[in-house]
mmCIF file of all heavy atoms, coordinates in Angstrom:
data_MODEL
# 
_entry.id   MODEL 
# 
loop_
_atom_site.group_PDB 
_atom_site.id 
_atom_site.type_symbol 
_atom_site.label_atom_id 
_atom_site.label_alt_id 
_atom_site.label_comp_id 
_atom_site.label_asym_id 
_atom_site.label_entity_id 
_atom_site.label_seq_id 
_atom_site.pdbx_PDB_ins_code 
_atom_site.Cartn_x 
_atom_site.Cartn_y 
_atom_site.Cartn_z 
_atom_site.occupancy 
_atom_site.B_iso_or_equiv 
_atom_site.pdbx_formal_charge 
_atom_site.auth_seq_id 
_atom_site.auth_comp_id 
_atom_site.auth_asym_id 
_atom_site.auth_atom_id 
_atom_site.pdbx_PDB_model_num 
ATOM 1   N N   . HIS A 1 1  ? -88.871  -28.547 189.998 1.00 0.00 ? 1  HIS A N   1 
ATOM 2   C CA  . HIS A 1 1  ? -89.643  -29.437 190.839 1.00 0.00 ? 1  HIS A CA  1 
ATOM 3   C C   . HIS A 1 1  ? -91.061  -29.087 190.756 1.00 0.00 ? 1  HIS A C   1 
ATOM 4   O O   . HIS A 1 1  ? -91.412  -27.918 190.928 1.00 0.00 ? 1  HIS A O   1 
ATOM 5   C CB  . HIS A 1 1  ? -89.142  -29.337 192.203 1.00 0.00 ? 1  HIS A CB  1 
ATOM 6   C CG  . HIS A 1 1  ? -89.923  -30.334 193.178 1.00 0.00 ? 1  HIS A CG  1 
ATOM 7   N ND1 . HIS A 1 1  ? -89.721  -31.712 193.126 1.00 0.00 ? 1  HIS A ND1 1 
ATOM 8   C CD2 . HIS A 1 1  ? -90.786  -29.995 194.122 1.00 0.00 ? 1  HIS A CD2 1 
ATOM 9   C CE1 . HIS A 1 1  ? -90.485  -32.232 194.018 1.00 0.00 ? 1  HIS A CE1 1 
ATOM 10  N NE2 . HIS A 1 1  ? -91.243  -31.238 194.587 1.00 0.00 ? 1  HIS A NE2 1 
ATOM 11  N N   . THR A 1 2  ? -91.947  -30.052 190.410 1.00 0.00 ? 2  THR A N   1 
ATOM 12  C CA  . THR A 1 2  ? -93.289  -29.834 190.314 1.00 0.00 ? 2  THR A CA  1 
ATOM 13  C C   . THR A 1 2  ? -94.103  -30.714 191.315 1.00 0.00 ? 2  THR A C   1 
ATOM 14  O O   . THR A 1 2  ? -93.737  -31.974 191.395 1.00 0.00 ? 2  THR A O   1 
ATOM 15  C CB  . THR A 1 2  ? -93.791  -30.174 188.928 1.00 0.00 ? 2  THR A CB  1 
ATOM 16  O OG1 . THR A 1 2  ? -93.120  -29.259 187.965 1.00 0.00 ? 2  THR A OG1 1 
ATOM 17  C CG2 . THR A 1 2  ? -95.248  -29.911 188.727 1.00 0.00 ? 2  THR A CG2 1 
ATOM 18  N N   . GLU A 1 3  ? -95.140  -30.262 191.945 1.00 0.00 ? 3  GLU A N   1 
ATOM 19  C CA  . GLU A 1 3  ? -95.965  -31.030 192.826 1.00 0.00 ? 3  GLU A CA  1 
ATOM 20  C C   . GLU A 1 3  ? -97.405  -30.879 192.318 1.00 0.00 ? 3  GLU A C   1 
ATOM 21  O O   . GLU A 1 3  ? -97.859  -29.797 191.890 1.00 0.00 ? 3  GLU A O   1 
ATOM 22  C CB  . GLU A 1 3  ? -95.800  -30.523 194.245 1.00 0.00 ? 3  GLU A CB  1 
ATOM 23  C CG  . GLU A 1 3  ? -94.490  -30.896 194.838 1.00 0.00 ? 3  GLU A CG  1 
ATOM 24  C CD  . GLU A 1 3  ? -94.393  -30.440 196.225 1.00 0.00 ? 3  GLU A CD  1 
ATOM 25  O OE1 . GLU A 1 3  ? -95.305  -29.790 196.822 1.00 0.00 ? 3  GLU A OE1 1 
ATOM 26  O OE2 . GLU A 1 3  ? -93.386  -30.790 196.937 1.00 0.00 ? 3  GLU A OE2 1 
ATOM 27  N N   . VAL A 1 4  ? -98.200  -31.975 192.456 1.00 0.00 ? 4  VAL A N   1 
ATOM 28  C CA  . VAL A 1 4  ? -99.552  -31.998 192.087 1.00 0.00 ? 4  VAL A CA  1 
ATOM 29  C C   . VAL A 1 4  ? -100.242 -32.483 193.353 1.00 0.00 ? 4  VAL A C   1 
ATOM 30  O O   . VAL A 1 4  ? -99.991  -33.474 193.886 1.00 0.00 ? 4  VAL A O   1 
ATOM 31  C CB  . VAL A 1 4  ? -99.899  -32.973 190.905 1.00 0.00 ? 4  VAL A CB  1 
ATOM 32  C CG1 . VAL A 1 4  ? -101.369 -32.912 190.605 1.00 0.00 ? 4  VAL A CG1 1 
ATOM 33  C CG2 . VAL A 1 4  ? -99.005  -32.569 189.661 1.00 0.00 ? 4  VAL A CG2 1 
ATOM 34  N N   . ARG A 1 5  ? -101.256 -31.581 193.817 1.00 0.00 ? 5  ARG A N   1 
ATOM 35  C CA  . ARG A 1 5  ? -102.005 -31.824 195.037 1.00 0.00 ? 5  ARG A CA  1 
ATOM 36  C C   . ARG A 1 5  ? -103.454 -31.870 194.720 1.00 0.00 ? 5  ARG A C   1 
ATOM 37  O O   . ARG A 1 5  ? -103.922 -31.038 193.849 1.00 0.00 ? 5  ARG A O   1 
ATOM 38  C CB  . ARG A 1 5  ? -101.611 -30.833 196.095 1.00 0.00 ? 5  ARG A CB  1 
ATOM 39  C CG  . ARG A 1 5  ? -100.241 -30.964 196.535 1.00 0.00 ? 5  ARG A CG  1 
ATOM 40  C CD  . ARG A 1 5  ? -99.919  -29.947 197.695 1.00 0.00 ? 5  ARG A CD  1 
ATOM 41  N NE  . ARG A 1 5  ? -98.462  -30.082 198.075 1.00 0.00 ? 5  ARG A NE  1 
ATOM 42  C CZ  . ARG A 1 5  ? -98.015  -30.881 198.979 1.00 0.00 ? 5  ARG A CZ  1 
ATOM 43  N NH1 . ARG A 1 5  ? -98.863  -31.734 199.622 1.00 0.00 ? 5  ARG A NH1 1 
ATOM 44  N NH2 . ARG A 1 5  ? -96.693  -31.073 199.206 1.00 0.00 ? 5  ARG A NH2 1 
ATOM 45  N N   . ASP A 1 6  ? -104.238 -32.616 195.489 1.00 0.00 ? 6  ASP A N   1 
ATOM 46  C CA  . ASP A 1 6  ? -105.674 -32.678 195.328 1.00 0.00 ? 6  ASP A CA  1 
ATOM 47  C C   . ASP A 1 6  ? -106.283 -31.524 196.234 1.00 0.00 ? 6  ASP A C   1 
ATOM 48  O O   . ASP A 1 6  ? -105.537 -30.787 196.872 1.00 0.00 ? 6  ASP A O   1 
ATOM 49  C CB  . ASP A 1 6  ? -106.264 -33.928 195.578 1.00 0.00 ? 6  ASP A CB  1 
ATOM 50  C CG  . ASP A 1 6  ? -106.266 -34.460 197.029 1.00 0.00 ? 6  ASP A CG  1 
ATOM 51  O OD1 . ASP A 1 6  ? -105.820 -33.561 197.915 1.00 0.00 ? 6  ASP A OD1 1 
ATOM 52  O OD2 . ASP A 1 6  ? -106.562 -35.600 197.310 1.00 0.00 ? 6  ASP A OD2 1 
ATOM 53  N N   . ARG A 1 7  ? -107.487 -31.393 196.147 1.00 0.00 ? 7  ARG A N   1 
ATOM 54  C CA  . ARG A 1 7  ? -108.188 -30.310 196.858 1.00 0.00 ? 7  ARG A CA  1 
ATOM 55  C C   . ARG A 1 7  ? -107.880 -30.317 198.392 1.00 0.00 ? 7  ARG A C   1 
ATOM 56  O O   . ARG A 1 7  ? -107.854 -29.294 199.025 1.00 0.00 ? 7  ARG A O   1 
ATOM 57  C CB  . ARG A 1 7  ? -109.741 -30.394 196.630 1.00 0.00 ? 7  ARG A CB  1 
ATOM 58  C CG  . ARG A 1 7  ? -110.485 -29.288 197.155 1.00 0.00 ? 7  ARG A CG  1 
ATOM 59  C CD  . ARG A 1 7  ? -111.950 -29.338 196.838 1.00 0.00 ? 7  ARG A CD  1 
ATOM 60  N NE  . ARG A 1 7  ? -112.363 -28.174 196.246 1.00 0.00 ? 7  ARG A NE  1 
ATOM 61  C CZ  . ARG A 1 7  ? -113.581 -27.988 195.804 1.00 0.00 ? 7  ARG A CZ  1 
ATOM 62  N NH1 . ARG A 1 7  ? -114.391 -28.933 195.807 1.00 0.00 ? 7  ARG A NH1 1 
ATOM 63  N NH2 . ARG A 1 7  ? -113.863 -26.800 195.317 1.00 0.00 ? 7  ARG A NH2 1 
ATOM 64  N N   . SER A 1 8  ? -107.719 -31.544 198.995 1.00 0.00 ? 8  SER A N   1 
ATOM 65  C CA  . SER A 1 8  ? -107.446 -31.614 200.359 1.00 0.00 ? 8  SER A CA  1 
ATOM 66  C C   . SER A 1 8  ? -105.965 -31.232 200.728 1.00 0.00 ? 8  SER A C   1 
ATOM 67  O O   . SER A 1 8  ? -105.605 -31.149 201.928 1.00 0.00 ? 8  SER A O   1 
ATOM 68  C CB  . SER A 1 8  ? -107.760 -33.004 200.955 1.00 0.00 ? 8  SER A CB  1 
ATOM 69  O OG  . SER A 1 8  ? -106.729 -33.844 200.436 1.00 0.00 ? 8  SER A OG  1 
ATOM 70  N N   . GLY A 1 9  ? -105.077 -31.020 199.685 1.00 0.00 ? 9  GLY A N   1 
ATOM 71  C CA  . GLY A 1 9  ? -103.796 -30.789 199.912 1.00 0.00 ? 9  GLY A CA  1 
ATOM 72  C C   . GLY A 1 9  ? -102.842 -32.047 199.875 1.00 0.00 ? 9  GLY A C   1 
ATOM 73  O O   . GLY A 1 9  ? -101.649 -31.994 200.004 1.00 0.00 ? 9  GLY A O   1 
ATOM 74  N N   . GLU A 1 10 ? -103.465 -33.182 199.654 1.00 0.00 ? 10 GLU A N   1 
ATOM 75  C CA  . GLU A 1 10 ? -102.636 -34.504 199.546 1.00 0.00 ? 10 GLU A CA  1 
ATOM 76  C C   . GLU A 1 10 ? -101.817 -34.390 198.245 1.00 0.00 ? 10 GLU A C   1 
ATOM 77  O O   . GLU A 1 10 ? -102.285 -34.081 197.169 1.00 0.00 ? 10 GLU A O   1 
ATOM 78  C CB  . GLU A 1 10 ? -103.560 -35.662 199.500 1.00 0.00 ? 10 GLU A CB  1 
ATOM 79  C CG  . GLU A 1 10 ? -102.851 -36.988 199.313 1.00 0.00 ? 10 GLU A CG  1 
ATOM 80  C CD  . GLU A 1 10 ? -103.807 -38.200 199.077 1.00 0.00 ? 10 GLU A CD  1 
ATOM 81  O OE1 . GLU A 1 10 ? -105.083 -38.028 199.057 1.00 0.00 ? 10 GLU A OE1 1 
ATOM 82  O OE2 . GLU A 1 10 ? -103.222 -39.229 198.895 1.00 0.00 ? 10 GLU A OE2 1 
ATOM 83  N N   . LEU A 1 11 ? -100.593 -34.747 198.444 1.00 0.00 ? 11 LEU A N   1 
ATOM 84  C CA  . LEU A 1 11 ? -99.610  -34.780 197.269 1.00 0.00 ? 11 LEU A CA  1 
ATOM 85  C C   . LEU A 1 11 ? -99.963  -36.058 196.567 1.00 0.00 ? 11 LEU A C   1 
ATOM 86  O O   . LEU A 1 11 ? -99.935  -37.156 197.095 1.00 0.00 ? 11 LEU A O   1 
ATOM 87  C CB  . LEU A 1 11 ? -98.192  -34.935 197.843 1.00 0.00 ? 11 LEU A CB  1 
ATOM 88  C CG  . LEU A 1 11 ? -97.094  -34.887 196.785 1.00 0.00 ? 11 LEU A CG  1 
ATOM 89  C CD1 . LEU A 1 11 ? -97.132  -33.609 196.006 1.00 0.00 ? 11 LEU A CD1 1 
ATOM 90  C CD2 . LEU A 1 11 ? -95.738  -35.116 197.423 1.00 0.00 ? 11 LEU A CD2 1 
ATOM 91  N N   . VAL A 1 12 ? -100.298 -35.982 195.270 1.00 0.00 ? 12 VAL A N   1 
ATOM 92  C CA  . VAL A 1 12 ? -100.706 -37.113 194.499 1.00 0.00 ? 12 VAL A CA  1 
ATOM 93  C C   . VAL A 1 12 ? -99.649  -37.423 193.400 1.00 0.00 ? 12 VAL A C   1 
ATOM 94  O O   . VAL A 1 12 ? -99.589  -38.495 192.854 1.00 0.00 ? 12 VAL A O   1 
ATOM 95  C CB  . VAL A 1 12 ? -102.122 -36.972 193.824 1.00 0.00 ? 12 VAL A CB  1 
ATOM 96  C CG1 . VAL A 1 12 ? -103.139 -36.822 194.859 1.00 0.00 ? 12 VAL A CG1 1 
ATOM 97  C CG2 . VAL A 1 12 ? -102.160 -35.681 192.825 1.00 0.00 ? 12 VAL A CG2 1 
ATOM 98  N N   . ALA A 1 13 ? -98.779  -36.463 193.122 1.00 0.00 ? 13 ALA A N   1 
ATOM 99  C CA  . ALA A 1 13 ? -97.671  -36.701 192.119 1.00 0.00 ? 13 ALA A CA  1 
ATOM 100 C C   . ALA A 1 13 ? -96.595  -35.605 192.380 1.00 0.00 ? 13 ALA A C   1 
ATOM 101 O O   . ALA A 1 13 ? -96.853  -34.499 192.786 1.00 0.00 ? 13 ALA A O   1 
ATOM 102 C CB  . ALA A 1 13 ? -98.148  -36.681 190.697 1.00 0.00 ? 13 ALA A CB  1 
ATOM 103 N N   . ALA A 1 14 ? -95.357  -36.030 192.062 1.00 0.00 ? 14 ALA A N   1 
ATOM 104 C CA  . ALA A 1 14 ? -94.223  -35.125 192.100 1.00 0.00 ? 14 ALA A CA  1 
ATOM 105 C C   . ALA A 1 14 ? -93.345  -35.482 190.993 1.00 0.00 ? 14 ALA A C   1 
ATOM 106 O O   . ALA A 1 14 ? -93.137  -36.624 190.708 1.00 0.00 ? 14 ALA A O   1 
ATOM 107 C CB  . ALA A 1 14 ? -93.548  -35.221 193.509 1.00 0.00 ? 14 ALA A CB  1 
ATOM 108 N N   . ALA A 1 15 ? -92.679  -34.374 190.465 1.00 0.00 ? 15 ALA A N   1 
ATOM 109 C CA  . ALA A 1 15 ? -91.707  -34.616 189.383 1.00 0.00 ? 15 ALA A CA  1 
ATOM 110 C C   . ALA A 1 15 ? -90.502  -33.686 189.510 1.00 0.00 ? 15 ALA A C   1 
ATOM 111 O O   . ALA A 1 15 ? -90.712  -32.545 189.860 1.00 0.00 ? 15 ALA A O   1 
ATOM 112 C CB  . ALA A 1 15 ? -92.478  -34.425 188.002 1.00 0.00 ? 15 ALA A CB  1 
ATOM 113 N N   . ASP A 1 16 ? -89.431  -34.226 189.116 1.00 0.00 ? 16 ASP A N   1 
ATOM 114 C CA  . ASP A 1 16 ? -88.169  -33.437 188.917 1.00 0.00 ? 16 ASP A CA  1 
ATOM 115 C C   . ASP A 1 16 ? -87.843  -33.586 187.484 1.00 0.00 ? 16 ASP A C   1 
ATOM 116 O O   . ASP A 1 16 ? -87.712  -34.720 186.939 1.00 0.00 ? 16 ASP A O   1 
ATOM 117 C CB  . ASP A 1 16 ? -87.043  -33.884 189.816 1.00 0.00 ? 16 ASP A CB  1 
ATOM 118 C CG  . ASP A 1 16 ? -87.241  -33.491 191.188 1.00 0.00 ? 16 ASP A CG  1 
ATOM 119 O OD1 . ASP A 1 16 ? -87.663  -32.397 191.551 1.00 0.00 ? 16 ASP A OD1 1 
ATOM 120 O OD2 . ASP A 1 16 ? -86.960  -34.351 192.086 1.00 0.00 ? 16 ASP A OD2 1 
ATOM 121 N N   . ILE A 1 17 ? -87.785  -32.431 186.736 1.00 0.00 ? 17 ILE A N   1 
ATOM 122 C CA  . ILE A 1 17 ? -87.677  -32.480 185.328 1.00 0.00 ? 17 ILE A CA  1 
ATOM 123 C C   . ILE A 1 17 ? -86.404  -31.677 185.007 1.00 0.00 ? 17 ILE A C   1 
ATOM 124 O O   . ILE A 1 17 ? -86.194  -30.511 185.424 1.00 0.00 ? 17 ILE A O   1 
ATOM 125 C CB  . ILE A 1 17 ? -88.834  -31.798 184.586 1.00 0.00 ? 17 ILE A CB  1 
ATOM 126 C CG1 . ILE A 1 17 ? -90.155  -32.678 184.954 1.00 0.00 ? 17 ILE A CG1 1 
ATOM 127 C CG2 . ILE A 1 17 ? -88.677  -31.877 183.096 1.00 0.00 ? 17 ILE A CG2 1 
ATOM 128 C CD1 . ILE A 1 17 ? -91.372  -32.040 184.409 1.00 0.00 ? 17 ILE A CD1 1 
ATOM 129 N N   . ASP A 1 18 ? -85.492  -32.257 184.299 1.00 0.00 ? 18 ASP A N   1 
ATOM 130 C CA  . ASP A 1 18 ? -84.341  -31.517 183.709 1.00 0.00 ? 18 ASP A CA  1 
ATOM 131 C C   . ASP A 1 18 ? -84.554  -30.994 182.356 1.00 0.00 ? 18 ASP A C   1 
ATOM 132 O O   . ASP A 1 18 ? -84.944  -31.829 181.473 1.00 0.00 ? 18 ASP A O   1 
ATOM 133 C CB  . ASP A 1 18 ? -83.096  -32.504 183.735 1.00 0.00 ? 18 ASP A CB  1 
ATOM 134 C CG  . ASP A 1 18 ? -82.608  -32.891 185.094 1.00 0.00 ? 18 ASP A CG  1 
ATOM 135 O OD1 . ASP A 1 18 ? -82.964  -32.126 186.094 1.00 0.00 ? 18 ASP A OD1 1 
ATOM 136 O OD2 . ASP A 1 18 ? -81.901  -33.936 185.191 1.00 0.00 ? 18 ASP A OD2 1 
ATOM 137 N N   . TRP A 1 19 ? -84.365  -29.757 182.202 1.00 0.00 ? 19 TRP A N   1 
ATOM 138 C CA  . TRP A 1 19 ? -84.540  -29.025 180.945 1.00 0.00 ? 19 TRP A CA  1 
ATOM 139 C C   . TRP A 1 19 ? -83.275  -28.662 180.267 1.00 0.00 ? 19 TRP A C   1 
ATOM 140 O O   . TRP A 1 19 ? -82.408  -28.205 181.088 1.00 0.00 ? 19 TRP A O   1 
ATOM 141 C CB  . TRP A 1 19 ? -85.448  -27.752 181.041 1.00 0.00 ? 19 TRP A CB  1 
ATOM 142 C CG  . TRP A 1 19 ? -86.797  -28.115 181.628 1.00 0.00 ? 19 TRP A CG  1 
ATOM 143 C CD1 . TRP A 1 19 ? -87.196  -28.316 182.917 1.00 0.00 ? 19 TRP A CD1 1 
ATOM 144 C CD2 . TRP A 1 19 ? -87.936  -28.200 180.871 1.00 0.00 ? 19 TRP A CD2 1 
ATOM 145 N NE1 . TRP A 1 19 ? -88.593  -28.499 182.966 1.00 0.00 ? 19 TRP A NE1 1 
ATOM 146 C CE2 . TRP A 1 19 ? -89.032  -28.377 181.728 1.00 0.00 ? 19 TRP A CE2 1 
ATOM 147 C CE3 . TRP A 1 19 ? -88.320  -28.029 179.526 1.00 0.00 ? 19 TRP A CE3 1 
ATOM 148 C CZ2 . TRP A 1 19 ? -90.351  -28.533 181.292 1.00 0.00 ? 19 TRP A CZ2 1 
ATOM 149 C CZ3 . TRP A 1 19 ? -89.589  -28.132 179.078 1.00 0.00 ? 19 TRP A CZ3 1 
ATOM 150 C CH2 . TRP A 1 19 ? -90.592  -28.425 179.985 1.00 0.00 ? 19 TRP A CH2 1 
ATOM 151 N N   . LEU A 1 20 ? -83.055  -28.733 179.023 1.00 0.00 ? 20 LEU A N   1 
ATOM 152 C CA  . LEU A 1 20 ? -81.926  -28.284 178.321 1.00 0.00 ? 20 LEU A CA  1 
ATOM 153 C C   . LEU A 1 20 ? -82.270  -27.166 177.361 1.00 0.00 ? 20 LEU A C   1 
ATOM 154 O O   . LEU A 1 20 ? -83.188  -27.257 176.544 1.00 0.00 ? 20 LEU A O   1 
ATOM 155 C CB  . LEU A 1 20 ? -81.271  -29.478 177.558 1.00 0.00 ? 20 LEU A CB  1 
ATOM 156 C CG  . LEU A 1 20 ? -80.029  -29.280 176.767 1.00 0.00 ? 20 LEU A CG  1 
ATOM 157 C CD1 . LEU A 1 20 ? -78.886  -28.831 177.735 1.00 0.00 ? 20 LEU A CD1 1 
ATOM 158 C CD2 . LEU A 1 20 ? -79.601  -30.526 176.044 1.00 0.00 ? 20 LEU A CD2 1 
ATOM 159 N N   . LEU A 1 21 ? -81.546  -26.042 177.437 1.00 0.00 ? 21 LEU A N   1 
ATOM 160 C CA  . LEU A 1 21 ? -81.709  -24.940 176.507 1.00 0.00 ? 21 LEU A CA  1 
ATOM 161 C C   . LEU A 1 21 ? -81.019  -25.015 175.265 1.00 0.00 ? 21 LEU A C   1 
ATOM 162 O O   . LEU A 1 21 ? -79.775  -25.243 175.298 1.00 0.00 ? 21 LEU A O   1 
ATOM 163 C CB  . LEU A 1 21 ? -81.373  -23.578 177.274 1.00 0.00 ? 21 LEU A CB  1 
ATOM 164 C CG  . LEU A 1 21 ? -81.776  -22.246 176.581 1.00 0.00 ? 21 LEU A CG  1 
ATOM 165 C CD1 . LEU A 1 21 ? -83.350  -22.137 176.397 1.00 0.00 ? 21 LEU A CD1 1 
ATOM 166 C CD2 . LEU A 1 21 ? -81.167  -21.064 177.332 1.00 0.00 ? 21 LEU A CD2 1 
ATOM 167 N N   . LEU A 1 22 ? -81.726  -25.052 174.149 1.00 0.00 ? 22 LEU A N   1 
ATOM 168 C CA  . LEU A 1 22 ? -80.983  -25.313 172.806 1.00 0.00 ? 22 LEU A CA  1 
ATOM 169 C C   . LEU A 1 22 ? -81.288  -24.153 171.896 1.00 0.00 ? 22 LEU A C   1 
ATOM 170 O O   . LEU A 1 22 ? -82.289  -23.360 172.006 1.00 0.00 ? 22 LEU A O   1 
ATOM 171 C CB  . LEU A 1 22 ? -81.621  -26.520 172.211 1.00 0.00 ? 22 LEU A CB  1 
ATOM 172 C CG  . LEU A 1 22 ? -81.431  -27.863 172.985 1.00 0.00 ? 22 LEU A CG  1 
ATOM 173 C CD1 . LEU A 1 22 ? -82.148  -28.975 172.244 1.00 0.00 ? 22 LEU A CD1 1 
ATOM 174 C CD2 . LEU A 1 22 ? -79.943  -28.241 173.201 1.00 0.00 ? 22 LEU A CD2 1 
ATOM 175 N N   . ASN A 1 23 ? -80.431  -23.990 170.932 1.00 0.00 ? 23 ASN A N   1 
ATOM 176 C CA  . ASN A 1 23 ? -80.568  -23.026 169.885 1.00 0.00 ? 23 ASN A CA  1 
ATOM 177 C C   . ASN A 1 23 ? -81.263  -23.584 168.676 1.00 0.00 ? 23 ASN A C   1 
ATOM 178 O O   . ASN A 1 23 ? -81.642  -24.781 168.722 1.00 0.00 ? 23 ASN A O   1 
ATOM 179 C CB  . ASN A 1 23 ? -79.276  -22.308 169.544 1.00 0.00 ? 23 ASN A CB  1 
ATOM 180 C CG  . ASN A 1 23 ? -78.307  -23.270 168.923 1.00 0.00 ? 23 ASN A CG  1 
ATOM 181 O OD1 . ASN A 1 23 ? -78.553  -24.314 168.337 1.00 0.00 ? 23 ASN A OD1 1 
ATOM 182 N ND2 . ASN A 1 23 ? -76.998  -22.829 168.956 1.00 0.00 ? 23 ASN A ND2 1 
ATOM 183 N N   . GLU A 1 24 ? -81.489  -22.835 167.649 1.00 0.00 ? 24 GLU A N   1 
ATOM 184 C CA  . GLU A 1 24 ? -82.178  -23.327 166.433 1.00 0.00 ? 24 GLU A CA  1 
ATOM 185 C C   . GLU A 1 24 ? -81.515  -24.522 165.750 1.00 0.00 ? 24 GLU A C   1 
ATOM 186 O O   . GLU A 1 24 ? -82.107  -25.308 165.183 1.00 0.00 ? 24 GLU A O   1 
ATOM 187 C CB  . GLU A 1 24 ? -82.350  -22.253 165.468 1.00 0.00 ? 24 GLU A CB  1 
ATOM 188 C CG  . GLU A 1 24 ? -83.332  -21.085 165.947 1.00 0.00 ? 24 GLU A CG  1 
ATOM 189 C CD  . GLU A 1 24 ? -83.316  -19.895 165.033 1.00 0.00 ? 24 GLU A CD  1 
ATOM 190 O OE1 . GLU A 1 24 ? -82.144  -19.530 164.497 1.00 0.00 ? 24 GLU A OE1 1 
ATOM 191 O OE2 . GLU A 1 24 ? -84.353  -19.355 164.967 1.00 0.00 ? 24 GLU A OE2 1 
ATOM 192 N N   . ARG A 1 25 ? -80.230  -24.636 166.061 1.00 0.00 ? 25 ARG A N   1 
ATOM 193 C CA  . ARG A 1 25 ? -79.424  -25.799 165.411 1.00 0.00 ? 25 ARG A CA  1 
ATOM 194 C C   . ARG A 1 25 ? -79.454  -27.074 166.348 1.00 0.00 ? 25 ARG A C   1 
ATOM 195 O O   . ARG A 1 25 ? -78.828  -28.029 166.019 1.00 0.00 ? 25 ARG A O   1 
ATOM 196 C CB  . ARG A 1 25 ? -77.966  -25.437 165.154 1.00 0.00 ? 25 ARG A CB  1 
ATOM 197 C CG  . ARG A 1 25 ? -77.892  -24.323 164.040 1.00 0.00 ? 25 ARG A CG  1 
ATOM 198 C CD  . ARG A 1 25 ? -76.512  -23.877 163.923 1.00 0.00 ? 25 ARG A CD  1 
ATOM 199 N NE  . ARG A 1 25 ? -75.962  -23.452 165.272 1.00 0.00 ? 25 ARG A NE  1 
ATOM 200 C CZ  . ARG A 1 25 ? -74.849  -23.086 165.602 1.00 0.00 ? 25 ARG A CZ  1 
ATOM 201 N NH1 . ARG A 1 25 ? -73.794  -23.242 164.720 1.00 0.00 ? 25 ARG A NH1 1 
ATOM 202 N NH2 . ARG A 1 25 ? -74.539  -22.804 166.813 1.00 0.00 ? 25 ARG A NH2 1 
ATOM 203 N N   . GLY A 1 26 ? -80.151  -26.882 167.464 1.00 0.00 ? 26 GLY A N   1 
ATOM 204 C CA  . GLY A 1 26 ? -80.210  -28.002 168.472 1.00 0.00 ? 26 GLY A CA  1 
ATOM 205 C C   . GLY A 1 26 ? -78.943  -28.073 169.343 1.00 0.00 ? 26 GLY A C   1 
ATOM 206 O O   . GLY A 1 26 ? -78.790  -29.159 169.938 1.00 0.00 ? 26 GLY A O   1 
# 
């Protein structure tokens, strides 16, 4: 989970990213 906030602390964007761990063969 990632949050991006401006200097005032206002939330300007949020993301949930699913990552997959792969080997050299994919």
